[in-house]
Amino acid sequence: MLVYPLGIVGPWEIVLIALVVLLLFGGKKIPELMKGLGKGVKSFKEGMSEVEDEVKDIKKEIESEPDKEKPKED
């Protein structure tokens, strides 16, 4: 008998969850739900990509600026 630590879902739990989802939503509604889930994941990835691009741009701007805050020593 396999014992799973708390927080890890075993194979029988996955089967049980799939059956409950099938009973609640029916076979015709599941493809629509998965399509919506896929769109949500795609939107999330696009948002993360935009944030990463902005961070890279800001980092380049900071690195390319000369040190304006340091007074020149004579």
Protein backbone atom coordinates (compact mmCIF):
# COMPACT_ATOMS: atom_id res chain seq x y z
CA MET A 1 0.00 0.00 0.00
CA LEU A 2 1.39 3.37 -1.05
CA VAL A 3 1.11 6.21 1.43
CA TYR A 4 1.11 9.70 -0.06
CA PRO A 5 2.15 12.69 2.02
CA LEU A 6 -0.47 15.36 2.57
CA GLY A 7 -0.96 17.58 -0.44
CA ILE A 8 -0.12 14.97 -3.08
CA VAL A 9 -3.04 13.58 -5.03
CA GLY A 10 -2.83 9.88 -5.82
CA PRO A 11 -4.21 8.11 -8.89
CA TRP A 12 -7.47 7.05 -7.23
CA GLU A 13 -8.14 10.59 -6.08
CA ILE A 14 -7.68 11.82 -9.66
CA VAL A 15 -10.19 9.21 -10.92
CA LEU A 16 -12.67 10.23 -8.22
CA ILE A 17 -12.30 13.93 -9.06
CA ALA A 18 -12.77 13.20 -12.79
CA LEU A 19 -15.96 11.23 -12.05
CA VAL A 20 -17.37 14.00 -9.87
CA VAL A 21 -16.63 16.60 -12.58
CA LEU A 22 -18.28 14.37 -15.18
CA LEU A 23 -21.36 13.95 -13.01
CA LEU A 24 -21.64 17.66 -12.19
CA PHE A 25 -21.09 19.12 -15.64
CA GLY A 26 -21.96 16.31 -18.03
CA GLY A 27 -20.08 15.17 -21.11
CA LYS A 28 -21.19 18.05 -23.34
CA LYS A 29 -20.15 20.84 -21.00
CA ILE A 30 -16.61 19.58 -20.25
CA PRO A 31 -15.09 20.56 -23.64
CA GLU A 32 -16.42 24.09 -23.16
CA LEU A 33 -14.91 24.24 -19.69
CA MET A 34 -11.55 23.01 -20.97
CA LYS A 35 -11.62 25.57 -23.80
CA GLY A 36 -12.21 28.35 -21.28
CA LEU A 37 -9.46 27.01 -19.07
CA GLY A 38 -7.08 26.91 -22.02
CA LYS A 39 -7.88 30.52 -22.91
CA GLY A 40 -7.26 31.53 -19.31
CA VAL A 41 -3.88 29.81 -19.22
CA LYS A 42 -2.91 31.38 -22.56
CA SER A 43 -3.89 34.84 -21.29
CA PHE A 44 -1.89 34.30 -18.09
CA LYS A 45 1.21 33.26 -20.05
CA GLU A 46 0.89 36.31 -22.33
CA GLY A 47 0.61 38.57 -19.30
CA MET A 48 3.67 37.00 -17.69
CA SER A 49 5.62 37.42 -20.94
CA GLU A 50 4.68 41.11 -21.09
CA VAL A 51 5.81 41.65 -17.50
CA GLU A 52 9.11 39.86 -18.16
CA ASP A 53 9.70 42.04 -21.25
CA GLU A 54 9.01 45.21 -19.26
CA VAL A 55 11.40 44.13 -16.52
CA LYS A 56 14.12 43.42 -19.10
CA ASP A 57 13.57 46.84 -20.73
CA ILE A 58 13.78 48.63 -17.39
CA LYS A 59 16.91 46.69 -16.47
CA LYS A 60 18.54 47.71 -19.78
CA GLU A 61 17.61 51.36 -19.18
CA ILE A 62 19.09 51.29 -15.69
CA GLU A 63 22.30 49.62 -16.87
CA SER A 64 22.74 52.05 -19.78
CA GLU A 65 22.29 55.21 -17.66
CA PRO A 66 25.49 56.87 -16.48
CA ASP A 67 25.82 57.38 -12.75
CA LYS A 68 24.03 60.69 -12.25
CA GLU A 69 23.75 60.46 -8.48
CA LYS A 70 27.46 60.28 -7.73
CA PRO A 71 29.17 63.67 -7.59
CA LYS A 72 32.40 63.86 -9.50
CA GLU A 73 35.41 63.99 -7.25
CA ASP A 74 38.15 66.51 -8.11
